[in-house]
């Protein structure tokens, strides 16, 4: 399951090779969440991609053609989508240059270069802006866009190292990379509370992709994204909470229920407990 190459260092950080279920994956040793999960268990929650794709095929005649991974980290979900869930092409967007470097390496290691377009950007409602990304020291999937939330909750994030990142919109990415027909597009958005701004940058048309979007109230509060997030949800014809048991049958949730859950989850949030979920959004 694990093999470490001595003296393999990228950006002054030690790197290990995980023999994951999806194939070889380089990980940073300092990443105690995704990296350690790949090293110890060979996977990290990427099976949800096939669960969602299979459901969409049965209910919406979906074809696994295009997978768009916003907040791609080091590539777990994209590589799973292409190698296990039968998607043909993918777009990966990752703002942190360290994660992006391993993402690029992992795409190469898994022989997927011809099937993936890579972007080292943050996705926001506007293009060509410069934003601040605050970096977690031990969870490389928890880097977050920083917004001014004076007086808001803070569990030490204000002390994180900051780097600057350049923005594109989701519409820019789609227009630049994909064909006009968007009937078979699954967009996976995990941006640590910045989902509202990501979704704001997409022009809703008659032919819409399907979205899986992380729902994390604390993160949405810290990035001032609550309003934009719920504006998007109100445009959806159906929403499923894919973390509910038997969600295909019992996971349908209303915007009103999500709002109630938002307040409940926010009230339960502590420094060591961050309640969150994932929503499948049908436009």
C-alpha atoms as a PDB file:
ATOM      1  CA  UNK A   1       0.000   0.000   0.000  1.00  0.00           C
ATOM      2  CA  UNK A   2       2.869   2.383   0.729  1.00  0.00           C
ATOM      3  CA  UNK A   3       6.311   3.006  -0.681  1.00  0.00           C
ATOM      4  CA  UNK A   4       8.440   6.003   0.218  1.00  0.00           C
ATOM      5  CA  UNK A   5      11.159   7.243  -2.107  1.00  0.00           C
ATOM      6  CA  UNK A   6      13.942   8.657   0.016  1.00  0.00           C
ATOM      7  CA  UNK A   7      14.952  12.254  -0.691  1.00  0.00           C
ATOM      8  CA  UNK A   8      12.019  12.899  -3.048  1.00  0.00           C
ATOM      9  CA  UNK A   9      11.186  16.538  -2.313  1.00  0.00           C
ATOM     10  CA  UNK A  10       8.880  19.003  -4.066  1.00  0.00           C
ATOM     11  CA  UNK A  11       8.598  22.623  -2.886  1.00  0.00           C
ATOM     12  CA  UNK A  12      10.889  21.716   0.015  1.00  0.00           C
ATOM     13  CA  UNK A  13       8.415  19.091   1.238  1.00  0.00           C
ATOM     14  CA  UNK A  14       8.929  15.355   1.403  1.00  0.00           C
ATOM     15  CA  UNK A  15       6.775  13.379  -1.014  1.00  0.00           C
ATOM     16  CA  UNK A  16       5.701   9.724  -0.874  1.00  0.00           C
ATOM     17  CA  UNK A  17       4.182   7.379  -3.430  1.00  0.00           C
ATOM     18  CA  UNK A  18       0.851   5.812  -2.470  1.00  0.00           C
ATOM     19  CA  UNK A  19      -0.231   2.669  -4.279  1.00  0.00           C
ATOM     20  CA  UNK A  20      -3.869   3.714  -4.267  1.00  0.00           C
ATOM     21  CA  UNK A  21      -6.876   1.856  -5.630  1.00  0.00           C
ATOM     22  CA  UNK A  22      -6.984   4.258  -8.584  1.00  0.00           C
ATOM     23  CA  UNK A  23      -3.274   3.916  -9.352  1.00  0.00           C
ATOM     24  CA  UNK A  24       0.029   5.485  -8.252  1.00  0.00           C
ATOM     25  CA  UNK A  25      -0.430   8.794  -6.395  1.00  0.00           C
ATOM     26  CA  UNK A  26       2.248  11.153  -5.131  1.00  0.00           C
ATOM     27  CA  UNK A  27       1.298  12.772  -1.806  1.00  0.00           C
ATOM     28  CA  UNK A  28       2.877  15.254   0.561  1.00  0.00           C
ATOM     29  CA  UNK A  29       3.916  13.618   3.839  1.00  0.00           C
ATOM     30  CA  UNK A  30       2.746  16.704   5.746  1.00  0.00           C
ATOM     31  CA  UNK A  31      -0.841  16.284   4.492  1.00  0.00           C
ATOM     32  CA  UNK A  32      -2.534  14.416   7.342  1.00  0.00           C
ATOM     33  CA  UNK A  33      -5.901  13.994   5.611  1.00  0.00           C
ATOM     34  CA  UNK A  34      -5.998  13.180   1.871  1.00  0.00           C
ATOM     35  CA  UNK A  35      -2.340  12.191   1.688  1.00  0.00           C
ATOM     36  CA  UNK A  36      -2.421   9.966   4.742  1.00  0.00           C
ATOM     37  CA  UNK A  37      -5.728   8.409   3.677  1.00  0.00           C
ATOM     38  CA  UNK A  38      -4.220   7.414   0.330  1.00  0.00           C
ATOM     39  CA  UNK A  39      -1.129   5.997   2.017  1.00  0.00           C
ATOM     40  CA  UNK A  40      -2.979   4.023   4.698  1.00  0.00           C
ATOM     41  CA  UNK A  41      -6.243   3.087   2.981  1.00  0.00           C
ATOM     42  CA  UNK A  42      -5.568   3.520  -0.712  1.00  0.00           C
ATOM     43  CA  UNK A  43      -8.498   5.881  -1.275  1.00  0.00           C
ATOM     44  CA  UNK A  44     -10.182   9.122  -0.198  1.00  0.00           C
ATOM     45  CA  UNK A  45     -13.980   9.382  -0.667  1.00  0.00           C
ATOM     46  CA  UNK A  46     -13.757   9.324  -4.465  1.00  0.00           C
ATOM     47  CA  UNK A  47     -16.300   6.491  -4.776  1.00  0.00           C
ATOM     48  CA  UNK A  48     -19.048   9.121  -4.576  1.00  0.00           C
ATOM     49  CA  UNK A  49     -18.265  10.014  -8.184  1.00  0.00           C
ATOM     50  CA  UNK A  50     -19.468   6.651  -9.480  1.00  0.00           C
ATOM     51  CA  UNK A  51     -22.449   6.662  -7.095  1.00  0.00           C
ATOM     52  CA  UNK A  52     -23.612   9.978  -8.516  1.00  0.00           C
ATOM     53  CA  UNK A  53     -22.837   9.084 -12.132  1.00  0.00           C
ATOM     54  CA  UNK A  54     -24.716   5.768 -11.881  1.00  0.00           C
ATOM     55  CA  UNK A  55     -27.727   7.524 -10.371  1.00  0.00           C
ATOM     56  CA  UNK A  56     -27.762  10.187 -13.092  1.00  0.00           C
ATOM     57  CA  UNK A  57     -27.542   7.512 -15.786  1.00  0.00           C
ATOM     58  CA  UNK A  58     -30.605   5.716 -14.425  1.00  0.00           C
ATOM     59  CA  UNK A  59     -32.744   8.766 -13.699  1.00  0.00           C
ATOM     60  CA  UNK A  60     -31.588  11.359 -16.250  1.00  0.00           C
ATOM     61  CA  UNK A  61     -30.068   9.281 -19.077  1.00  0.00           C
ATOM     62  CA  UNK A  62     -26.699  10.811 -18.259  1.00  0.00           C
ATOM     63  CA  UNK A  63     -23.604   9.716 -20.167  1.00  0.00           C
ATOM     64  CA  UNK A  64     -20.240   9.860 -18.363  1.00  0.00           C
ATOM     65  CA  UNK A  65     -18.539  12.192 -20.795  1.00  0.00           C
ATOM     66  CA  UNK A  66     -17.102  15.329 -19.137  1.00  0.00           C
ATOM     67  CA  UNK A  67     -15.984  15.678 -15.507  1.00  0.00           C
ATOM     68  CA  UNK A  68     -15.051  19.117 -14.133  1.00  0.00           C
ATOM     69  CA  UNK A  69     -13.167  19.095 -10.816  1.00  0.00           C
ATOM     70  CA  UNK A  70     -13.109  22.506  -9.075  1.00  0.00           C
ATOM     71  CA  UNK A  71     -10.749  22.300  -6.124  1.00  0.00           C
ATOM     72  CA  UNK A  72      -9.069  19.227  -7.596  1.00  0.00           C
ATOM     73  CA  UNK A  73      -6.306  18.971  -4.970  1.00  0.00           C
ATOM     74  CA  UNK A  74      -3.924  16.210  -6.143  1.00  0.00           C
ATOM     75  CA  UNK A  75      -6.383  14.517  -8.499  1.00  0.00           C
ATOM     76  CA  UNK A  76      -8.139  11.729  -6.567  1.00  0.00           C
ATOM     77  CA  UNK A  77     -11.650  12.442  -7.884  1.00  0.00           C
ATOM     78  CA  UNK A  78     -10.601  13.168 -11.461  1.00  0.00           C
ATOM     79  CA  UNK A  79      -8.456  10.061 -11.774  1.00  0.00           C
ATOM     80  CA  UNK A  80     -11.262   7.956 -10.307  1.00  0.00           C
ATOM     81  CA  UNK A  81     -13.760   9.547 -12.708  1.00  0.00           C
ATOM     82  CA  UNK A  82     -11.599   8.717 -15.727  1.00  0.00           C
ATOM     83  CA  UNK A  83     -10.357   5.265 -14.708  1.00  0.00           C
ATOM     84  CA  UNK A  84     -13.278   3.881 -12.690  1.00  0.00           C
ATOM     85  CA  UNK A  85     -16.422   5.872 -13.572  1.00  0.00           C
ATOM     86  CA  UNK A  86     -15.918   5.787 -17.362  1.00  0.00           C
ATOM     87  CA  UNK A  87     -15.720   9.543 -17.986  1.00  0.00           C
ATOM     88  CA  UNK A  88     -13.948  10.397 -21.240  1.00  0.00           C
ATOM     89  CA  UNK A  89     -12.445  13.820 -20.471  1.00  0.00           C
ATOM     90  CA  UNK A  90     -11.816  16.004 -17.429  1.00  0.00           C
ATOM     91  CA  UNK A  91     -10.928  19.516 -16.346  1.00  0.00           C
ATOM     92  CA  UNK A  92      -8.965  20.018 -13.118  1.00  0.00           C
ATOM     93  CA  UNK A  93      -8.732  23.395 -11.408  1.00  0.00           C
ATOM     94  CA  UNK A  94      -6.479  23.784  -8.355  1.00  0.00           C
ATOM     95  CA  UNK A  95      -5.248  27.163  -7.020  1.00  0.00           C
ATOM     96  CA  UNK A  96      -2.438  26.024  -4.698  1.00  0.00           C
ATOM     97  CA  UNK A  97       0.785  25.614  -6.659  1.00  0.00           C
ATOM     98  CA  UNK A  98       2.013  22.807  -4.395  1.00  0.00           C
ATOM     99  CA  UNK A  99      -1.130  20.723  -4.841  1.00  0.00           C
ATOM    100  CA  UNK A 100      -1.123  21.620  -8.525  1.00  0.00           C
ATOM    101  CA  UNK A 101       2.404  20.259  -8.921  1.00  0.00           C
ATOM    102  CA  UNK A 102       1.387  16.865  -7.516  1.00  0.00           C
ATOM    103  CA  UNK A 103      -1.858  16.964  -9.487  1.00  0.00           C
ATOM    104  CA  UNK A 104       0.178  17.331 -12.686  1.00  0.00           C
ATOM    105  CA  UNK A 105       2.521  14.518 -11.672  1.00  0.00           C
ATOM    106  CA  UNK A 106      -0.371  12.217 -10.787  1.00  0.00           C
ATOM    107  CA  UNK A 107      -2.092  12.804 -14.117  1.00  0.00           C
ATOM    108  CA  UNK A 108       1.185  11.857 -15.838  1.00  0.00           C
ATOM    109  CA  UNK A 109       1.759   8.809 -13.607  1.00  0.00           C
ATOM    110  CA  UNK A 110      -1.705   7.498 -14.486  1.00  0.00           C
ATOM    111  CA  UNK A 111      -1.258   8.038 -18.257  1.00  0.00           C
ATOM    112  CA  UNK A 112      -4.114  10.548 -18.488  1.00  0.00           C
ATOM    113  CA  UNK A 113      -2.373  13.592 -19.984  1.00  0.00           C
ATOM    114  CA  UNK A 114      -4.370  13.484 -23.232  1.00  0.00           C
ATOM    115  CA  UNK A 115      -7.666  13.366 -21.341  1.00  0.00           C
ATOM    116  CA  UNK A 116      -7.217  16.163 -18.780  1.00  0.00           C
ATOM    117  CA  UNK A 117      -6.984  19.964 -19.006  1.00  0.00           C
ATOM    118  CA  UNK A 118      -5.232  21.517 -16.003  1.00  0.00           C
ATOM    119  CA  UNK A 119      -5.653  25.031 -14.594  1.00  0.00           C
ATOM    120  CA  UNK A 120      -3.659  26.555 -11.733  1.00  0.00           C
ATOM    121  CA  UNK A 121      -6.318  29.109 -10.801  1.00  0.00           C
ATOM    122  CA  UNK A 122      -9.030  29.936  -8.331  1.00  0.00           C
ATOM    123  CA  UNK A 123     -12.580  29.922  -9.717  1.00  0.00           C
ATOM    124  CA  UNK A 124     -14.643  32.970  -8.792  1.00  0.00           C
ATOM    125  CA  UNK A 125     -17.484  35.157 -10.076  1.00  0.00           C
ATOM    126  CA  UNK A 126     -14.991  37.394 -11.915  1.00  0.00           C
ATOM    127  CA  UNK A 127     -11.937  36.710 -14.074  1.00  0.00           C
ATOM    128  CA  UNK A 128      -8.444  38.188 -13.807  1.00  0.00           C
ATOM    129  CA  UNK A 129      -8.656  39.069 -10.138  1.00  0.00           C
ATOM    130  CA  UNK A 130      -6.056  38.393  -7.474  1.00  0.00           C
ATOM    131  CA  UNK A 131      -7.325  36.672  -4.325  1.00  0.00           C
ATOM    132  CA  UNK A 132      -5.652  35.515  -1.142  1.00  0.00           C
ATOM    133  CA  UNK A 133      -5.512  31.789  -0.411  1.00  0.00           C
ATOM    134  CA  UNK A 134      -4.847  30.827   3.198  1.00  0.00           C
ATOM    135  CA  UNK A 135      -2.912  27.570   3.527  1.00  0.00           C
ATOM    136  CA  UNK A 136      -3.494  24.828   6.073  1.00  0.00           C
ATOM    137  CA  UNK A 137      -0.252  23.421   7.437  1.00  0.00           C
ATOM    138  CA  UNK A 138      -1.480  19.833   7.834  1.00  0.00           C
ATOM    139  CA  UNK A 139      -4.642  19.442   5.709  1.00  0.00           C
ATOM    140  CA  UNK A 140      -3.852  20.281   2.097  1.00  0.00           C
ATOM    141  CA  UNK A 141      -7.488  19.916   1.134  1.00  0.00           C
ATOM    142  CA  UNK A 142      -8.416  22.748   3.504  1.00  0.00           C
ATOM    143  CA  UNK A 143      -6.777  25.722   1.794  1.00  0.00           C
ATOM    144  CA  UNK A 144      -9.353  28.530   1.633  1.00  0.00           C
ATOM    145  CA  UNK A 145      -9.987  31.805  -0.128  1.00  0.00           C
ATOM    146  CA  UNK A 146      -9.732  34.542   2.496  1.00  0.00           C
ATOM    147  CA  UNK A 147     -12.370  37.217   2.847  1.00  0.00           C
ATOM    148  CA  UNK A 148     -12.666  40.030   5.372  1.00  0.00           C
ATOM    149  CA  UNK A 149     -15.001  38.753   8.081  1.00  0.00           C
ATOM    150  CA  UNK A 150     -14.111  41.114  10.916  1.00  0.00           C
ATOM    151  CA  UNK A 151     -15.701  39.946  14.140  1.00  0.00           C
ATOM    152  CA  UNK A 152     -16.605  36.507  12.768  1.00  0.00           C
ATOM    153  CA  UNK A 153     -15.617  33.111  14.120  1.00  0.00           C
ATOM    154  CA  UNK A 154     -11.961  32.214  13.857  1.00  0.00           C
ATOM    155  CA  UNK A 155     -10.326  28.938  14.818  1.00  0.00           C
ATOM    156  CA  UNK A 156      -6.815  30.045  13.987  1.00  0.00           C
ATOM    157  CA  UNK A 157      -7.270  30.548  10.237  1.00  0.00           C
ATOM    158  CA  UNK A 158      -6.202  34.182  10.508  1.00  0.00           C
ATOM    159  CA  UNK A 159      -2.680  32.987  11.384  1.00  0.00           C
ATOM    160  CA  UNK A 160      -2.273  30.884   8.246  1.00  0.00           C
ATOM    161  CA  UNK A 161       0.295  31.573   5.569  1.00  0.00           C
ATOM    162  CA  UNK A 162      -1.156  33.458   2.589  1.00  0.00           C
ATOM    163  CA  UNK A 163      -0.408  33.175  -1.118  1.00  0.00           C
ATOM    164  CA  UNK A 164      -1.933  35.114  -4.002  1.00  0.00           C
ATOM    165  CA  UNK A 165      -3.926  33.290  -6.682  1.00  0.00           C
ATOM    166  CA  UNK A 166      -5.392  34.405  -9.998  1.00  0.00           C
ATOM    167  CA  UNK A 167      -9.047  33.867 -10.878  1.00  0.00           C
ATOM    168  CA  UNK A 168     -11.032  32.568 -13.809  1.00  0.00           C
ATOM    169  CA  UNK A 169     -14.784  31.971 -13.988  1.00  0.00           C
ATOM    170  CA  UNK A 170     -16.385  28.586 -14.415  1.00  0.00           C
ATOM    171  CA  UNK A 171     -17.885  29.846 -17.664  1.00  0.00           C
ATOM    172  CA  UNK A 172     -14.412  30.808 -18.926  1.00  0.00           C
ATOM    173  CA  UNK A 173     -13.130  27.317 -18.212  1.00  0.00           C
ATOM    174  CA  UNK A 174     -16.059  25.611 -19.927  1.00  0.00           C
ATOM    175  CA  UNK A 175     -15.965  27.895 -22.976  1.00  0.00           C
ATOM    176  CA  UNK A 176     -12.225  27.443 -23.384  1.00  0.00           C
ATOM    177  CA  UNK A 177     -12.129  23.692 -22.981  1.00  0.00           C
ATOM    178  CA  UNK A 178     -15.418  21.947 -23.762  1.00  0.00           C
ATOM    179  CA  UNK A 179     -17.719  21.668 -26.778  1.00  0.00           C
ATOM    180  CA  UNK A 180     -21.006  23.569 -26.867  1.00  0.00           C
ATOM    181  CA  UNK A 181     -23.205  20.595 -25.948  1.00  0.00           C
ATOM    182  CA  UNK A 182     -23.181  20.381 -22.150  1.00  0.00           C
ATOM    183  CA  UNK A 183     -25.755  17.624 -21.700  1.00  0.00           C
ATOM    184  CA  UNK A 184     -23.216  15.189 -20.276  1.00  0.00           C
ATOM    185  CA  UNK A 185     -21.237  17.360 -17.864  1.00  0.00           C
ATOM    186  CA  UNK A 186     -20.744  16.671 -14.159  1.00  0.00           C
ATOM    187  CA  UNK A 187     -19.182  19.537 -12.184  1.00  0.00           C
ATOM    188  CA  UNK A 188     -17.707  18.660  -8.779  1.00  0.00           C
ATOM    189  CA  UNK A 189     -17.166  21.727  -6.564  1.00  0.00           C
ATOM    190  CA  UNK A 190     -15.228  21.490  -3.290  1.00  0.00           C
ATOM    191  CA  UNK A 191     -13.758  24.888  -2.496  1.00  0.00           C
ATOM    192  CA  UNK A 192     -13.974  25.092   1.298  1.00  0.00           C
ATOM    193  CA  UNK A 193     -16.830  27.590   1.523  1.00  0.00           C
ATOM    194  CA  UNK A 194     -16.232  29.499  -1.709  1.00  0.00           C
ATOM    195  CA  UNK A 195     -18.836  27.524  -3.657  1.00  0.00           C
ATOM    196  CA  UNK A 196     -21.261  30.438  -4.010  1.00  0.00           C
ATOM    197  CA  UNK A 197     -18.708  32.570  -5.862  1.00  0.00           C
ATOM    198  CA  UNK A 198     -17.706  29.615  -8.027  1.00  0.00           C
ATOM    199  CA  UNK A 199     -21.315  29.002  -9.086  1.00  0.00           C
ATOM    200  CA  UNK A 200     -21.994  32.698  -9.637  1.00  0.00           C
ATOM    201  CA  UNK A 201     -19.491  32.595 -12.478  1.00  0.00           C
ATOM    202  CA  UNK A 202     -21.568  30.195 -14.549  1.00  0.00           C
ATOM    203  CA  UNK A 203     -24.263  31.332 -16.993  1.00  0.00           C
ATOM    204  CA  UNK A 204     -27.317  29.129 -16.639  1.00  0.00           C
ATOM    205  CA  UNK A 205     -28.760  28.109 -20.014  1.00  0.00           C
ATOM    206  CA  UNK A 206     -31.299  25.543 -21.187  1.00  0.00           C
ATOM    207  CA  UNK A 207     -28.634  22.852 -21.360  1.00  0.00           C
ATOM    208  CA  UNK A 208     -27.131  22.674 -17.915  1.00  0.00           C
ATOM    209  CA  UNK A 209     -24.586  20.421 -16.275  1.00  0.00           C
ATOM    210  CA  UNK A 210     -25.166  18.547 -13.043  1.00  0.00           C
ATOM    211  CA  UNK A 211     -23.380  19.805  -9.955  1.00  0.00           C
ATOM    212  CA  UNK A 212     -22.120  18.154  -6.783  1.00  0.00           C
ATOM    213  CA  UNK A 213     -21.369  20.959  -4.340  1.00  0.00           C
ATOM    214  CA  UNK A 214     -19.909  20.816  -0.851  1.00  0.00           C
ATOM    215  CA  UNK A 215     -22.254  22.286   1.766  1.00  0.00           C
ATOM    216  CA  UNK A 216     -20.215  23.586   4.703  1.00  0.00           C
ATOM    217  CA  UNK A 217     -21.880  26.389   6.696  1.00  0.00           C
ATOM    218  CA  UNK A 218     -18.772  27.467   8.613  1.00  0.00           C
ATOM    219  CA  UNK A 219     -16.782  27.766   5.404  1.00  0.00           C
ATOM    220  CA  UNK A 220     -19.574  29.699   3.698  1.00  0.00           C
ATOM    221  CA  UNK A 221     -19.679  32.104   6.637  1.00  0.00           C
ATOM    222  CA  UNK A 222     -15.936  32.728   6.547  1.00  0.00           C
ATOM    223  CA  UNK A 223     -15.970  33.536   2.837  1.00  0.00           C
ATOM    224  CA  UNK A 224     -19.193  35.592   2.897  1.00  0.00           C
ATOM    225  CA  UNK A 225     -20.659  33.122   0.391  1.00  0.00           C
ATOM    226  CA  UNK A 226     -23.947  32.213   2.067  1.00  0.00           C
ATOM    227  CA  UNK A 227     -26.149  34.487  -0.050  1.00  0.00           C
ATOM    228  CA  UNK A 228     -24.580  33.453  -3.362  1.00  0.00           C
ATOM    229  CA  UNK A 229     -24.781  29.799  -2.386  1.00  0.00           C
ATOM    230  CA  UNK A 230     -28.509  29.934  -1.653  1.00  0.00           C
ATOM    231  CA  UNK A 231     -29.174  32.012  -4.767  1.00  0.00           C
ATOM    232  CA  UNK A 232     -27.826  29.072  -6.758  1.00  0.00           C
ATOM    233  CA  UNK A 233     -29.829  26.492  -4.794  1.00  0.00           C
ATOM    234  CA  UNK A 234     -33.051  28.377  -5.477  1.00  0.00           C
ATOM    235  CA  UNK A 235     -32.475  27.907  -9.220  1.00  0.00           C
ATOM    236  CA  UNK A 236     -32.310  24.118  -8.883  1.00  0.00           C
ATOM    237  CA  UNK A 237     -35.253  21.909  -9.774  1.00  0.00           C
ATOM    238  CA  UNK A 238     -34.121  19.146  -7.394  1.00  0.00           C
ATOM    239  CA  UNK A 239     -31.446  18.750  -4.716  1.00  0.00           C
ATOM    240  CA  UNK A 240     -30.145  15.532  -3.133  1.00  0.00           C
ATOM    241  CA  UNK A 241     -28.018  15.239  -0.006  1.00  0.00           C
ATOM    242  CA  UNK A 242     -25.633  12.519  -1.161  1.00  0.00           C
ATOM    243  CA  UNK A 243     -24.326  11.883   2.372  1.00  0.00           C
ATOM    244  CA  UNK A 244     -27.730  10.613   3.533  1.00  0.00           C
ATOM    245  CA  UNK A 245     -28.101   6.837   3.672  1.00  0.00           C
ATOM    246  CA  UNK A 246     -29.972   5.586   0.578  1.00  0.00           C
ATOM    247  CA  UNK A 247     -29.846   9.140  -0.741  1.00  0.00           C
ATOM    248  CA  UNK A 248     -31.174   8.131  -4.156  1.00  0.00           C
ATOM    249  CA  UNK A 249     -34.531   7.416  -2.516  1.00  0.00           C
ATOM    250  CA  UNK A 250     -34.515   9.462   0.673  1.00  0.00           C
ATOM    251  CA  UNK A 251     -32.022  12.243   0.040  1.00  0.00           C
ATOM    252  CA  UNK A 252     -34.210  14.880  -1.649  1.00  0.00           C
ATOM    253  CA  UNK A 253     -34.037  18.128   0.319  1.00  0.00           C
ATOM    254  CA  UNK A 254     -35.738  21.492  -0.090  1.00  0.00           C
ATOM    255  CA  UNK A 255     -33.964  24.836   0.050  1.00  0.00           C
ATOM    256  CA  UNK A 256     -35.929  25.562   3.237  1.00  0.00           C
ATOM    257  CA  UNK A 257     -34.628  22.395   4.864  1.00  0.00           C
ATOM    258  CA  UNK A 258     -31.068  23.200   3.798  1.00  0.00           C
ATOM    259  CA  UNK A 259     -31.448  26.632   5.381  1.00  0.00           C
ATOM    260  CA  UNK A 260     -32.535  25.014   8.644  1.00  0.00           C
ATOM    261  CA  UNK A 261     -29.635  22.596   8.442  1.00  0.00           C
ATOM    262  CA  UNK A 262     -27.301  25.515   7.789  1.00  0.00           C
ATOM    263  CA  UNK A 263     -28.162  27.121  11.117  1.00  0.00           C
ATOM    264  CA  UNK A 264     -28.112  23.822  13.001  1.00  0.00           C
ATOM    265  CA  UNK A 265     -24.739  22.811  11.587  1.00  0.00           C
ATOM    266  CA  UNK A 266     -23.253  26.244  12.198  1.00  0.00           C
ATOM    267  CA  UNK A 267     -24.360  26.169  15.826  1.00  0.00           C
ATOM    268  CA  UNK A 268     -22.679  22.771  16.286  1.00  0.00           C
ATOM    269  CA  UNK A 269     -19.386  23.850  14.744  1.00  0.00           C
ATOM    270  CA  UNK A 270     -16.355  23.827  17.032  1.00  0.00           C
ATOM    271  CA  UNK A 271     -12.611  24.014  16.525  1.00  0.00           C
ATOM    272  CA  UNK A 272     -12.459  20.246  16.054  1.00  0.00           C
ATOM    273  CA  UNK A 273     -15.924  19.508  14.576  1.00  0.00           C
ATOM    274  CA  UNK A 274     -16.972  20.914  11.210  1.00  0.00           C
ATOM    275  CA  UNK A 275     -20.353  19.450  10.134  1.00  0.00           C
ATOM    276  CA  UNK A 276     -20.741  19.447   6.358  1.00  0.00           C
ATOM    277  CA  UNK A 277     -22.307  17.492   3.498  1.00  0.00           C
ATOM    278  CA  UNK A 278     -22.440  17.266  -0.315  1.00  0.00           C
ATOM    279  CA  UNK A 279     -25.401  18.262  -2.463  1.00  0.00           C
ATOM    280  CA  UNK A 280     -26.272  16.939  -5.918  1.00  0.00           C
ATOM    281  CA  UNK A 281     -27.936  19.874  -7.657  1.00  0.00           C
ATOM    282  CA  UNK A 282     -30.192  19.357 -10.683  1.00  0.00           C
ATOM    283  CA  UNK A 283     -30.892  22.569 -12.606  1.00  0.00           C
END
